[in-house]
Structures are given as C-alpha cells and as structure tokens.
Amino acid sequence: MKISLLGAGDLTKVERFTEFSEKELKKLIEDLAKLIAEKWHEIVIIPNRGIPLEIAEAFKKAGGKKIWGIIPTKDKDYGLGHIEEFLSIINNKIEVDSWYDADGKIAASGDVCIVIGMSPGVMRALTALKFHLKYKNCKTKVIIFENTISSHLAREIEEEIPIRYINSIKELEEFI
C-alpha cells in the first residue's frame, strides 16, 4: 500500500494555528513514520522542506525502504533548485512536467493520502484530487489529522472529496 503525504512546509504553522505543540508534532511524525514502515512500506512525497520530508526522514530511520518522489523534471517556471538538497531522500521517481502537475499528482499517488498541517500547497493538492476521483477512477482515501489544522475544510470541498478527520495514530490504524 502506498501512502501519499501532504503537510505544511512550515512546521511552525501547526503550533501557531492549533493547540498542537512542537513536541506533539514531532511525536506524531515519528509514530506515523514507524507505523508506515512496519505496515504499509511505501510513501509518496514531493521532496521539499516541511512535514512530508520530516516523515520521510523518520520513515527511513524506522526501516522504511521505498520513498517515491514526485519530481517536475521539465518545469521551466520554478525549476528544481529549491528541492535539490532533498532529492537524496527518495529512491524512486515519479516524473511529471511541472509543479502544477506535481500538485495534481501527489494526493492521487497513494492508496491513502495523509495530511498533517495545512497550507496553500496542501489545499491545492487536495482540491486537484477531485479530478482524479471524478475522471480517473481514483480511489484514494484522504485522512486529515484534524488536531493539526485550524478548522475542517469547507463543506463545499468535503462534498466532492471524501475526507476522514482523525486525531491519533490509533484512529488511523482502525480506519485503514
């Protein structure tokens, strides 16, 4: 099973916009990484700074082996310079043409998409999932750790993207 990971690029957003502490976030990252390494074995990230990268690093430390990275190899607008230092974490590439394609592909690349923290990039990736669900017979389940975001998503979005809100690793294990 592949788990795609979305999360805030700025880890302090979780602490600033929720009652979740930095210590609790670090523990969640470590516990999630360990669980994925033990039970599901594969993750998909966009290799950039932030929560997904932190999970990928913890995943490797926990014995996880397969990290897929979505890489916009032909992007002319933004390039790859800002992610080059993070590319060594991945061992399998999913090449796409642009950052827009990467945002459209990340959530749909897993059997389950797990979200920790919120940002404009996370929102873009989640809303792009709508088209994979509607037109590509995608079955990705979205799970958001609600204790790491300031509020649920708008009902208009939830109507088209089935989302499960959870608050613990135990709830994640029960759901999957």
N, C-alpha and C. Protein backbone atom coordinates (compact mmCIF):
# COMPACT_ATOMS: atom_id res chain seq x y z
N MET A 1 0.84 -1.18 0.00
CA MET A 1 0.00 0.00 0.00
C MET A 1 0.89 1.24 0.00
N LYS A 2 0.58 2.18 -0.87
CA LYS A 2 1.30 3.46 -0.92
C LYS A 2 0.54 4.50 -0.11
N ILE A 3 1.29 5.27 0.67
CA ILE A 3 0.73 6.36 1.45
C ILE A 3 1.30 7.66 0.90
N SER A 4 0.46 8.51 0.34
CA SER A 4 0.95 9.83 -0.07
C SER A 4 0.81 10.78 1.11
N LEU A 5 1.78 11.65 1.23
CA LEU A 5 1.85 12.54 2.39
C LEU A 5 1.77 14.00 1.97
N LEU A 6 0.89 14.72 2.62
CA LEU A 6 0.77 16.15 2.44
C LEU A 6 0.92 16.81 3.80
N GLY A 7 1.53 17.98 3.82
CA GLY A 7 1.66 18.71 5.07
C GLY A 7 2.27 20.06 4.84
N ALA A 8 2.16 20.88 5.86
CA ALA A 8 2.69 22.23 5.80
C ALA A 8 4.19 22.22 5.58
N GLY A 9 4.66 23.12 4.72
CA GLY A 9 6.09 23.28 4.52
C GLY A 9 6.74 23.95 5.72
N ASP A 10 5.98 24.78 6.40
CA ASP A 10 6.43 25.47 7.59
C ASP A 10 5.84 24.76 8.80
N LEU A 11 6.66 23.98 9.49
CA LEU A 11 6.19 23.20 10.63
C LEU A 11 5.60 24.06 11.74
N THR A 12 6.03 25.31 11.84
CA THR A 12 5.52 26.16 12.91
C THR A 12 4.05 26.53 12.72
N LYS A 13 3.52 26.33 11.50
CA LYS A 13 2.10 26.63 11.28
C LYS A 13 1.21 25.77 12.17
N VAL A 14 1.59 24.53 12.38
CA VAL A 14 0.79 23.64 13.22
C VAL A 14 0.70 24.22 14.63
N GLU A 15 1.83 24.59 15.18
CA GLU A 15 1.85 25.14 16.53
C GLU A 15 1.17 26.51 16.60
N ARG A 16 1.36 27.33 15.58
CA ARG A 16 0.80 28.69 15.60
C ARG A 16 -0.71 28.72 15.41
N PHE A 17 -1.27 27.76 14.66
CA PHE A 17 -2.69 27.82 14.33
C PHE A 17 -3.55 26.77 15.04
N THR A 18 -2.91 25.93 15.86
CA THR A 18 -3.66 24.90 16.60
C THR A 18 -3.14 24.88 18.03
N GLU A 19 -3.64 23.98 18.81
CA GLU A 19 -3.13 23.79 20.16
C GLU A 19 -2.15 22.63 20.23
N PHE A 20 -1.72 22.17 19.07
CA PHE A 20 -0.77 21.07 18.96
C PHE A 20 0.63 21.64 19.15
N SER A 21 1.41 21.09 20.07
CA SER A 21 2.75 21.62 20.35
C SER A 21 3.79 21.05 19.39
N GLU A 22 4.94 21.68 19.37
CA GLU A 22 6.05 21.20 18.56
C GLU A 22 6.44 19.78 18.98
N LYS A 23 6.44 19.53 20.28
CA LYS A 23 6.78 18.20 20.80
C LYS A 23 5.76 17.17 20.33
N GLU A 24 4.48 17.51 20.38
CA GLU A 24 3.43 16.59 19.93
C GLU A 24 3.55 16.32 18.43
N LEU A 25 3.90 17.36 17.65
CA LEU A 25 4.07 17.19 16.21
C LEU A 25 5.23 16.24 15.91
N LYS A 26 6.34 16.43 16.59
CA LYS A 26 7.50 15.55 16.38
C LYS A 26 7.13 14.10 16.71
N LYS A 27 6.39 13.90 17.79
CA LYS A 27 5.98 12.54 18.17
C LYS A 27 5.04 11.95 17.13
N LEU A 28 4.09 12.74 16.65
CA LEU A 28 3.17 12.27 15.61
C LEU A 28 3.94 11.87 14.36
N ILE A 29 4.88 12.69 13.95
CA ILE A 29 5.71 12.39 12.77
C ILE A 29 6.44 11.07 12.97
N GLU A 30 7.07 10.90 14.11
CA GLU A 30 7.83 9.66 14.37
C GLU A 30 6.91 8.44 14.44
N ASP A 31 5.80 8.57 15.13
CA ASP A 31 4.86 7.45 15.26
C ASP A 31 4.26 7.06 13.90
N LEU A 32 3.90 8.05 13.11
CA LEU A 32 3.34 7.78 11.78
C LEU A 32 4.38 7.12 10.89
N ALA A 33 5.59 7.64 10.90
CA ALA A 33 6.66 7.06 10.08
C ALA A 33 6.91 5.60 10.46
N LYS A 34 6.94 5.33 11.74
CA LYS A 34 7.17 3.97 12.22
C LYS A 34 6.03 3.04 11.78
N LEU A 35 4.80 3.50 11.93
CA LEU A 35 3.64 2.70 11.52
C LEU A 35 3.68 2.39 10.02
N ILE A 36 3.95 3.39 9.22
CA ILE A 36 4.00 3.18 7.76
C ILE A 36 5.13 2.20 7.42
N ALA A 37 6.28 2.38 8.03
CA ALA A 37 7.42 1.48 7.75
C ALA A 37 7.08 0.04 8.12
N GLU A 38 6.36 -0.16 9.22
CA GLU A 38 6.03 -1.50 9.68
C GLU A 38 4.90 -2.15 8.88
N LYS A 39 3.87 -1.36 8.52
CA LYS A 39 2.66 -1.95 7.95
C LYS A 39 2.48 -1.72 6.46
N TRP A 40 2.86 -0.56 5.94
CA TRP A 40 2.48 -0.24 4.56
C TRP A 40 3.66 -0.06 3.63
N HIS A 41 4.83 0.22 4.14
CA HIS A 41 6.10 0.10 3.42
C HIS A 41 6.43 1.14 2.36
N GLU A 42 5.48 1.89 1.82
CA GLU A 42 5.80 2.84 0.75
C GLU A 42 5.16 4.19 1.03
N ILE A 43 5.94 5.25 0.77
CA ILE A 43 5.38 6.60 0.85
C ILE A 43 5.65 7.36 -0.43
N VAL A 44 4.83 8.36 -0.67
CA VAL A 44 5.00 9.25 -1.83
C VAL A 44 5.01 10.67 -1.30
N ILE A 45 6.03 11.43 -1.69
CA ILE A 45 6.14 12.82 -1.27
C ILE A 45 6.57 13.68 -2.45
N ILE A 46 6.40 14.97 -2.29
CA ILE A 46 7.12 15.93 -3.12
C ILE A 46 8.31 16.30 -2.25
N PRO A 47 9.53 15.99 -2.67
CA PRO A 47 10.69 16.19 -1.80
C PRO A 47 11.04 17.67 -1.63
N ASN A 48 10.41 18.27 -0.64
CA ASN A 48 10.61 19.68 -0.34
C ASN A 48 10.59 19.81 1.18
N ARG A 49 11.02 20.92 1.68
CA ARG A 49 11.05 21.11 3.13
C ARG A 49 9.64 20.98 3.70
N GLY A 50 9.56 20.56 4.95
CA GLY A 50 8.26 20.51 5.60
C GLY A 50 7.92 19.16 6.19
N ILE A 51 6.68 19.02 6.57
CA ILE A 51 6.21 17.83 7.28
C ILE A 51 6.40 16.54 6.47
N PRO A 52 6.03 16.48 5.18
CA PRO A 52 6.26 15.23 4.45
C PRO A 52 7.73 14.80 4.43
N LEU A 53 8.64 15.76 4.30
CA LEU A 53 10.07 15.43 4.33
C LEU A 53 10.48 14.92 5.70
N GLU A 54 9.97 15.54 6.75
CA GLU A 54 10.26 15.08 8.12
C GLU A 54 9.77 13.64 8.32
N ILE A 55 8.59 13.36 7.80
CA ILE A 55 8.07 11.99 7.90
C ILE A 55 8.95 11.03 7.10
N ALA A 56 9.37 11.44 5.90
CA ALA A 56 10.22 10.58 5.07
C ALA A 56 11.53 10.27 5.78
N GLU A 57 12.13 11.26 6.44
CA GLU A 57 13.38 11.03 7.16
C GLU A 57 13.16 10.06 8.32
N ALA A 58 12.07 10.26 9.06
CA ALA A 58 11.75 9.36 10.18
C ALA A 58 11.40 7.96 9.67
N PHE A 59 10.74 7.89 8.52
CA PHE A 59 10.38 6.63 7.87
C PHE A 59 11.65 5.82 7.57
N LYS A 60 12.66 6.49 7.01
CA LYS A 60 13.93 5.82 6.72
C LYS A 60 14.59 5.31 8.01
N LYS A 61 14.59 6.15 9.04
CA LYS A 61 15.19 5.74 10.33
C LYS A 61 14.46 4.55 10.93
N ALA A 62 13.16 4.45 10.66
CA ALA A 62 12.35 3.34 11.18
C ALA A 62 12.44 2.09 10.32
N GLY A 63 13.29 2.12 9.30
CA GLY A 63 13.48 0.95 8.45
C GLY A 63 12.67 0.98 7.17
N GLY A 64 11.95 2.07 6.92
CA GLY A 64 11.20 2.20 5.67
C GLY A 64 12.14 2.25 4.48
N LYS A 65 11.74 1.61 3.43
CA LYS A 65 12.66 1.48 2.29
C LYS A 65 12.24 2.22 1.03
N LYS A 66 10.96 2.28 0.75
CA LYS A 66 10.53 2.79 -0.55
C LYS A 66 9.91 4.18 -0.41
N ILE A 67 10.65 5.17 -0.89
CA ILE A 67 10.17 6.56 -0.89
C ILE A 67 10.09 7.02 -2.33
N TRP A 68 8.87 7.24 -2.78
CA TRP A 68 8.62 7.76 -4.11
C TRP A 68 8.64 9.29 -4.03
N GLY A 69 9.28 9.91 -5.00
CA GLY A 69 9.30 11.37 -5.06
C GLY A 69 8.72 11.85 -6.35
N ILE A 70 7.76 12.75 -6.26
CA ILE A 70 7.18 13.35 -7.47
C ILE A 70 8.07 14.54 -7.84
N ILE A 71 8.65 14.45 -9.02
CA ILE A 71 9.65 15.43 -9.46
C ILE A 71 9.19 16.08 -10.77
N PRO A 72 9.03 17.40 -10.79
CA PRO A 72 8.65 18.11 -12.02
C PRO A 72 9.89 18.39 -12.89
N THR A 73 10.33 17.38 -13.59
CA THR A 73 11.62 17.43 -14.28
C THR A 73 11.71 18.43 -15.42
N LYS A 74 10.59 18.80 -16.00
CA LYS A 74 10.63 19.72 -17.14
C LYS A 74 10.14 21.12 -16.80
N ASP A 75 9.95 21.41 -15.53
CA ASP A 75 9.40 22.71 -15.15
C ASP A 75 10.34 23.84 -15.51
N LYS A 76 9.84 24.79 -16.27
CA LYS A 76 10.62 25.94 -16.70
C LYS A 76 10.35 27.17 -15.82
N ASP A 77 9.19 27.20 -15.16
CA ASP A 77 8.83 28.37 -14.36
C ASP A 77 9.56 28.43 -13.02
N TYR A 78 9.61 27.32 -12.28
CA TYR A 78 10.17 27.33 -10.93
C TYR A 78 11.43 26.48 -10.81
N GLY A 79 11.61 25.53 -11.70
CA GLY A 79 12.80 24.69 -11.68
C GLY A 79 12.86 23.77 -10.47
N LEU A 80 14.02 23.18 -10.28
CA LEU A 80 14.23 22.23 -9.18
C LEU A 80 15.24 22.71 -8.15
N GLY A 81 15.78 23.90 -8.34
CA GLY A 81 16.83 24.40 -7.45
C GLY A 81 16.46 24.37 -5.98
N HIS A 82 15.24 24.70 -5.68
CA HIS A 82 14.84 24.77 -4.27
C HIS A 82 14.59 23.40 -3.63
N ILE A 83 14.63 22.33 -4.41
CA ILE A 83 14.45 20.99 -3.82
C ILE A 83 15.67 20.09 -3.99
N GLU A 84 16.69 20.57 -4.70
CA GLU A 84 17.85 19.71 -4.99
C GLU A 84 18.45 19.08 -3.74
N GLU A 85 18.51 19.82 -2.65
CA GLU A 85 19.12 19.29 -1.43
C GLU A 85 18.30 18.16 -0.80
N PHE A 86 17.03 18.01 -1.21
CA PHE A 86 16.16 17.00 -0.62
C PHE A 86 15.99 15.75 -1.50
N LEU A 87 16.51 15.78 -2.70
CA LEU A 87 16.30 14.69 -3.64
C LEU A 87 16.94 13.37 -3.19
N SER A 88 17.97 13.44 -2.38
CA SER A 88 18.65 12.21 -1.95
C SER A 88 17.77 11.35 -1.05
N ILE A 89 16.70 11.88 -0.50
CA ILE A 89 15.81 11.10 0.38
C ILE A 89 15.01 10.07 -0.41
N ILE A 90 14.75 10.35 -1.68
CA ILE A 90 13.89 9.46 -2.47
C ILE A 90 14.72 8.37 -3.13
N ASN A 91 14.06 7.24 -3.42
CA ASN A 91 14.75 6.20 -4.17
C ASN A 91 13.96 5.76 -5.40
N ASN A 92 12.81 6.37 -5.61
CA ASN A 92 12.03 6.10 -6.82
C ASN A 92 11.41 7.42 -7.28
N LYS A 93 11.52 7.72 -8.56
CA LYS A 93 10.96 8.97 -9.09
C LYS A 93 9.65 8.74 -9.82
N ILE A 94 8.76 9.68 -9.64
CA ILE A 94 7.57 9.80 -10.49
C ILE A 94 7.75 11.14 -11.19
N GLU A 95 8.12 11.10 -12.45
CA GLU A 95 8.41 12.33 -13.17
C GLU A 95 7.14 12.93 -13.75
N VAL A 96 6.99 14.23 -13.53
CA VAL A 96 5.90 14.99 -14.11
C VAL A 96 6.51 16.21 -14.79
N ASP A 97 5.72 16.89 -15.60
CA ASP A 97 6.25 18.01 -16.38
C ASP A 97 6.45 19.30 -15.58
N SER A 98 5.55 19.60 -14.65
CA SER A 98 5.60 20.92 -13.99
C SER A 98 5.18 20.81 -12.53
N TRP A 99 5.38 21.90 -11.80
CA TRP A 99 4.92 21.94 -10.41
C TRP A 99 3.41 21.83 -10.33
N TYR A 100 2.72 22.35 -11.32
CA TYR A 100 1.26 22.23 -11.34
C TYR A 100 0.85 20.75 -11.47
N ASP A 101 1.59 20.02 -12.30
CA ASP A 101 1.34 18.59 -12.43
C ASP A 101 1.67 17.85 -11.14
N ALA A 102 2.74 18.27 -10.46
CA ALA A 102 3.13 17.64 -9.20
C ALA A 102 2.03 17.83 -8.17
N ASP A 103 1.51 19.05 -8.07
CA ASP A 103 0.41 19.31 -7.13
C ASP A 103 -0.81 18.47 -7.47
N GLY A 104 -1.05 18.28 -8.75
CA GLY A 104 -2.20 17.49 -9.18
C GLY A 104 -2.02 16.00 -8.96
N LYS A 105 -0.79 15.55 -8.89
CA LYS A 105 -0.49 14.12 -8.81
C LYS A 105 -0.28 13.59 -7.39
N ILE A 106 0.23 14.42 -6.49
CA ILE A 106 0.68 13.92 -5.20
C ILE A 106 -0.41 13.22 -4.40
N ALA A 107 -1.55 13.84 -4.19
CA ALA A 107 -2.59 13.20 -3.35
C ALA A 107 -3.08 11.91 -3.99
N ALA A 108 -3.21 11.89 -5.31
CA ALA A 108 -3.74 10.73 -6.02
C ALA A 108 -2.74 9.60 -6.16
N SER A 109 -1.50 9.80 -5.77
CA SER A 109 -0.47 8.78 -5.95
C SER A 109 -0.48 7.70 -4.87
N GLY A 110 -1.23 7.91 -3.83
CA GLY A 110 -1.30 6.91 -2.77
C GLY A 110 -2.66 6.25 -2.72
N ASP A 111 -2.68 5.07 -2.13
CA ASP A 111 -3.97 4.44 -1.83
C ASP A 111 -4.68 5.26 -0.76
N VAL A 112 -3.87 5.84 0.11
CA VAL A 112 -4.35 6.73 1.17
C VAL A 112 -3.48 7.97 1.14
N CYS A 113 -4.10 9.13 1.32
CA CYS A 113 -3.38 10.39 1.42
C CYS A 113 -3.56 10.89 2.85
N ILE A 114 -2.45 11.05 3.56
CA ILE A 114 -2.49 11.52 4.94
C ILE A 114 -2.01 12.96 4.98
N VAL A 115 -2.78 13.79 5.69
CA VAL A 115 -2.49 15.21 5.78
C VAL A 115 -2.21 15.59 7.23
N ILE A 116 -1.07 16.27 7.43
CA ILE A 116 -0.72 16.84 8.74
C ILE A 116 -0.36 18.29 8.51
N GLY A 117 -1.15 19.19 9.05
CA GLY A 117 -0.93 20.62 8.86
C GLY A 117 -1.56 21.08 7.55
N MET A 118 -1.76 22.39 7.46
CA MET A 118 -2.42 22.95 6.28
C MET A 118 -1.58 24.10 5.72
N SER A 119 -1.69 24.27 4.41
CA SER A 119 -1.00 25.35 3.71
C SER A 119 -1.68 25.51 2.35
N PRO A 120 -1.37 26.57 1.63
CA PRO A 120 -1.92 26.70 0.27
C PRO A 120 -1.54 25.52 -0.64
N GLY A 121 -0.31 25.01 -0.49
CA GLY A 121 0.10 23.86 -1.29
C GLY A 121 -0.70 22.61 -0.98
N VAL A 122 -0.97 22.38 0.30
CA VAL A 122 -1.78 21.23 0.69
C VAL A 122 -3.18 21.37 0.11
N MET A 123 -3.74 22.56 0.22
CA MET A 123 -5.09 22.79 -0.29
C MET A 123 -5.14 22.58 -1.81
N ARG A 124 -4.13 23.05 -2.51
CA ARG A 124 -4.10 22.87 -3.97
C ARG A 124 -4.03 21.38 -4.32
N ALA A 125 -3.20 20.64 -3.64
CA ALA A 125 -3.07 19.20 -3.91
C ALA A 125 -4.37 18.46 -3.60
N LEU A 126 -5.01 18.82 -2.50
CA LEU A 126 -6.27 18.17 -2.15
C LEU A 126 -7.37 18.48 -3.16
N THR A 127 -7.47 19.74 -3.56
CA THR A 127 -8.55 20.10 -4.48
C THR A 127 -8.30 19.53 -5.88
N ALA A 128 -7.05 19.35 -6.26
CA ALA A 128 -6.75 18.71 -7.55
C ALA A 128 -7.16 17.25 -7.54
N LEU A 129 -7.20 16.64 -6.36
CA LEU A 129 -7.61 15.25 -6.24
C LEU A 129 -9.04 15.04 -6.76
N LYS A 130 -9.86 16.07 -6.68
CA LYS A 130 -11.25 15.99 -7.17
C LYS A 130 -11.31 15.40 -8.58
N PHE A 131 -10.43 15.85 -9.44
CA PHE A 131 -10.47 15.43 -10.84
C PHE A 131 -10.00 13.98 -11.01
N HIS A 132 -9.07 13.55 -10.18
CA HIS A 132 -8.65 12.14 -10.22
C HIS A 132 -9.80 11.24 -9.76
N LEU A 133 -10.50 11.67 -8.72
CA LEU A 133 -11.63 10.90 -8.21
C LEU A 133 -12.76 10.84 -9.23
N LYS A 134 -13.02 11.97 -9.88
CA LYS A 134 -14.16 12.07 -10.79
C LYS A 134 -13.90 11.44 -12.16
N TYR A 135 -12.71 11.66 -12.71
CA TYR A 135 -12.47 11.27 -14.09
C TYR A 135 -11.50 10.10 -14.29
N LYS A 136 -10.74 9.75 -13.28
CA LYS A 136 -9.71 8.72 -13.46
C LYS A 136 -9.95 7.49 -12.59
N ASN A 137 -11.12 7.36 -12.05
CA ASN A 137 -11.47 6.20 -11.22
C ASN A 137 -10.49 6.01 -10.05
N CYS A 138 -9.96 7.09 -9.58
CA CYS A 138 -9.05 7.08 -8.43
C CYS A 138 -9.85 6.73 -7.17
N LYS A 139 -9.25 5.96 -6.30
CA LYS A 139 -9.93 5.53 -5.06
C LYS A 139 -9.20 6.01 -3.81
N THR A 140 -8.31 6.97 -3.94
CA THR A 140 -7.54 7.46 -2.81
C THR A 140 -8.45 7.93 -1.68
N LYS A 141 -8.14 7.47 -0.47
CA LYS A 141 -8.84 7.91 0.73
C LYS A 141 -8.01 9.04 1.35
N VAL A 142 -8.68 10.11 1.79
CA VAL A 142 -7.99 11.23 2.41
C VAL A 142 -8.25 11.22 3.91
N ILE A 143 -7.17 11.27 4.66
CA ILE A 143 -7.24 11.29 6.12
C ILE A 143 -6.49 12.53 6.59
N ILE A 144 -7.17 13.36 7.35
CA ILE A 144 -6.55 14.58 7.88
C ILE A 144 -6.50 14.50 9.41
N PHE A 145 -5.32 14.72 9.95
CA PHE A 145 -5.20 14.84 11.39
C PHE A 145 -5.77 16.20 11.77
N GLU A 146 -7.02 16.21 12.22
CA GLU A 146 -7.72 17.47 12.46
C GLU A 146 -7.10 18.28 13.58
N ASN A 147 -6.39 17.64 14.49
CA ASN A 147 -5.75 18.38 15.57
C ASN A 147 -4.52 19.15 15.10
N THR A 148 -4.15 19.02 13.81
CA THR A 148 -3.00 19.74 13.26
C THR A 148 -3.41 20.84 12.28
N ILE A 149 -4.71 21.09 12.16
CA ILE A 149 -5.21 22.17 11.29
C ILE A 149 -6.15 23.06 12.10
N SER A 150 -6.33 24.29 11.64
CA SER A 150 -7.13 25.25 12.40
C SER A 150 -8.63 24.99 12.32
N SER A 151 -9.08 24.34 11.25
CA SER A 151 -10.50 24.03 11.12
C SER A 151 -10.70 23.00 10.03
N HIS A 152 -11.88 22.39 10.02
CA HIS A 152 -12.22 21.48 8.93
C HIS A 152 -12.23 22.26 7.62
N LEU A 153 -12.13 21.54 6.52
CA LEU A 153 -12.22 22.19 5.21
C LEU A 153 -13.65 22.63 4.97
N ALA A 154 -13.81 23.52 4.02
CA ALA A 154 -15.14 24.00 3.67
C ALA A 154 -16.02 22.83 3.22
N ARG A 155 -17.28 22.87 3.58
CA ARG A 155 -18.19 21.78 3.22
C ARG A 155 -18.29 21.63 1.71
N GLU A 156 -18.10 22.71 0.98
CA GLU A 156 -18.15 22.64 -0.48
C GLU A 156 -17.05 21.74 -1.02
N ILE A 157 -15.91 21.73 -0.35
CA ILE A 157 -14.81 20.85 -0.75
C ILE A 157 -15.07 19.43 -0.27
N GLU A 158 -15.51 19.28 0.97
CA GLU A 158 -15.78 17.96 1.53
C GLU A 158 -16.86 17.21 0.75
N GLU A 159 -17.75 17.95 0.09
CA GLU A 159 -18.80 17.32 -0.70
C GLU A 159 -18.23 16.53 -1.88
N GLU A 160 -17.10 16.99 -2.42
CA GLU A 160 -16.53 16.35 -3.60
C GLU A 160 -15.30 15.50 -3.33
N ILE A 161 -14.71 15.68 -2.15
CA ILE A 161 -13.54 14.89 -1.78
C ILE A 161 -13.84 14.27 -0.43
N PRO A 162 -14.09 12.97 -0.39
CA PRO A 162 -14.38 12.32 0.89
C PRO A 162 -13.17 12.41 1.83
N ILE A 163 -13.39 13.01 2.97
CA ILE A 163 -12.32 13.23 3.93
C ILE A 163 -12.70 12.62 5.26
N ARG A 164 -11.75 11.96 5.88
CA ARG A 164 -11.93 11.41 7.22
C ARG A 164 -11.01 12.19 8.15
N TYR A 165 -11.56 12.80 9.17
CA TYR A 165 -10.77 13.51 10.16
C TYR A 165 -10.48 12.59 11.33
N ILE A 166 -9.22 12.57 11.75
CA ILE A 166 -8.82 11.76 12.89
C ILE A 166 -7.93 12.60 13.80
N ASN A 167 -7.64 12.05 14.98
CA ASN A 167 -6.80 12.77 15.94
C ASN A 167 -5.65 11.94 16.51
N SER A 168 -5.55 10.68 16.09
CA SER A 168 -4.50 9.84 16.67
C SER A 168 -4.07 8.74 15.71
N ILE A 169 -2.90 8.20 15.99
CA ILE A 169 -2.40 7.06 15.24
C ILE A 169 -3.33 5.87 15.42
N LYS A 170 -3.87 5.71 16.62
CA LYS A 170 -4.79 4.60 16.88
C LYS A 170 -6.01 4.69 15.95
N GLU A 171 -6.57 5.89 15.78
CA GLU A 171 -7.71 6.06 14.88
C GLU A 171 -7.30 5.73 13.44
N LEU A 172 -6.10 6.09 13.06
CA LEU A 172 -5.61 5.78 11.71
C LEU A 172 -5.55 4.27 11.51
N GLU A 173 -5.01 3.56 12.47
CA GLU A 173 -4.92 2.11 12.37
C GLU A 173 -6.29 1.46 12.29
N GLU A 174 -7.25 1.99 13.03
CA GLU A 174 -8.62 1.44 13.00
C GLU A 174 -9.30 1.70 11.67
N PHE A 175 -8.99 2.83 11.05
CA PHE A 175 -9.64 3.21 9.80
C PHE A 175 -9.10 2.44 8.61
N ILE A 176 -7.81 2.23 8.59
CA ILE A 176 -7.19 1.61 7.40
C ILE A 176 -7.18 0.10 7.52
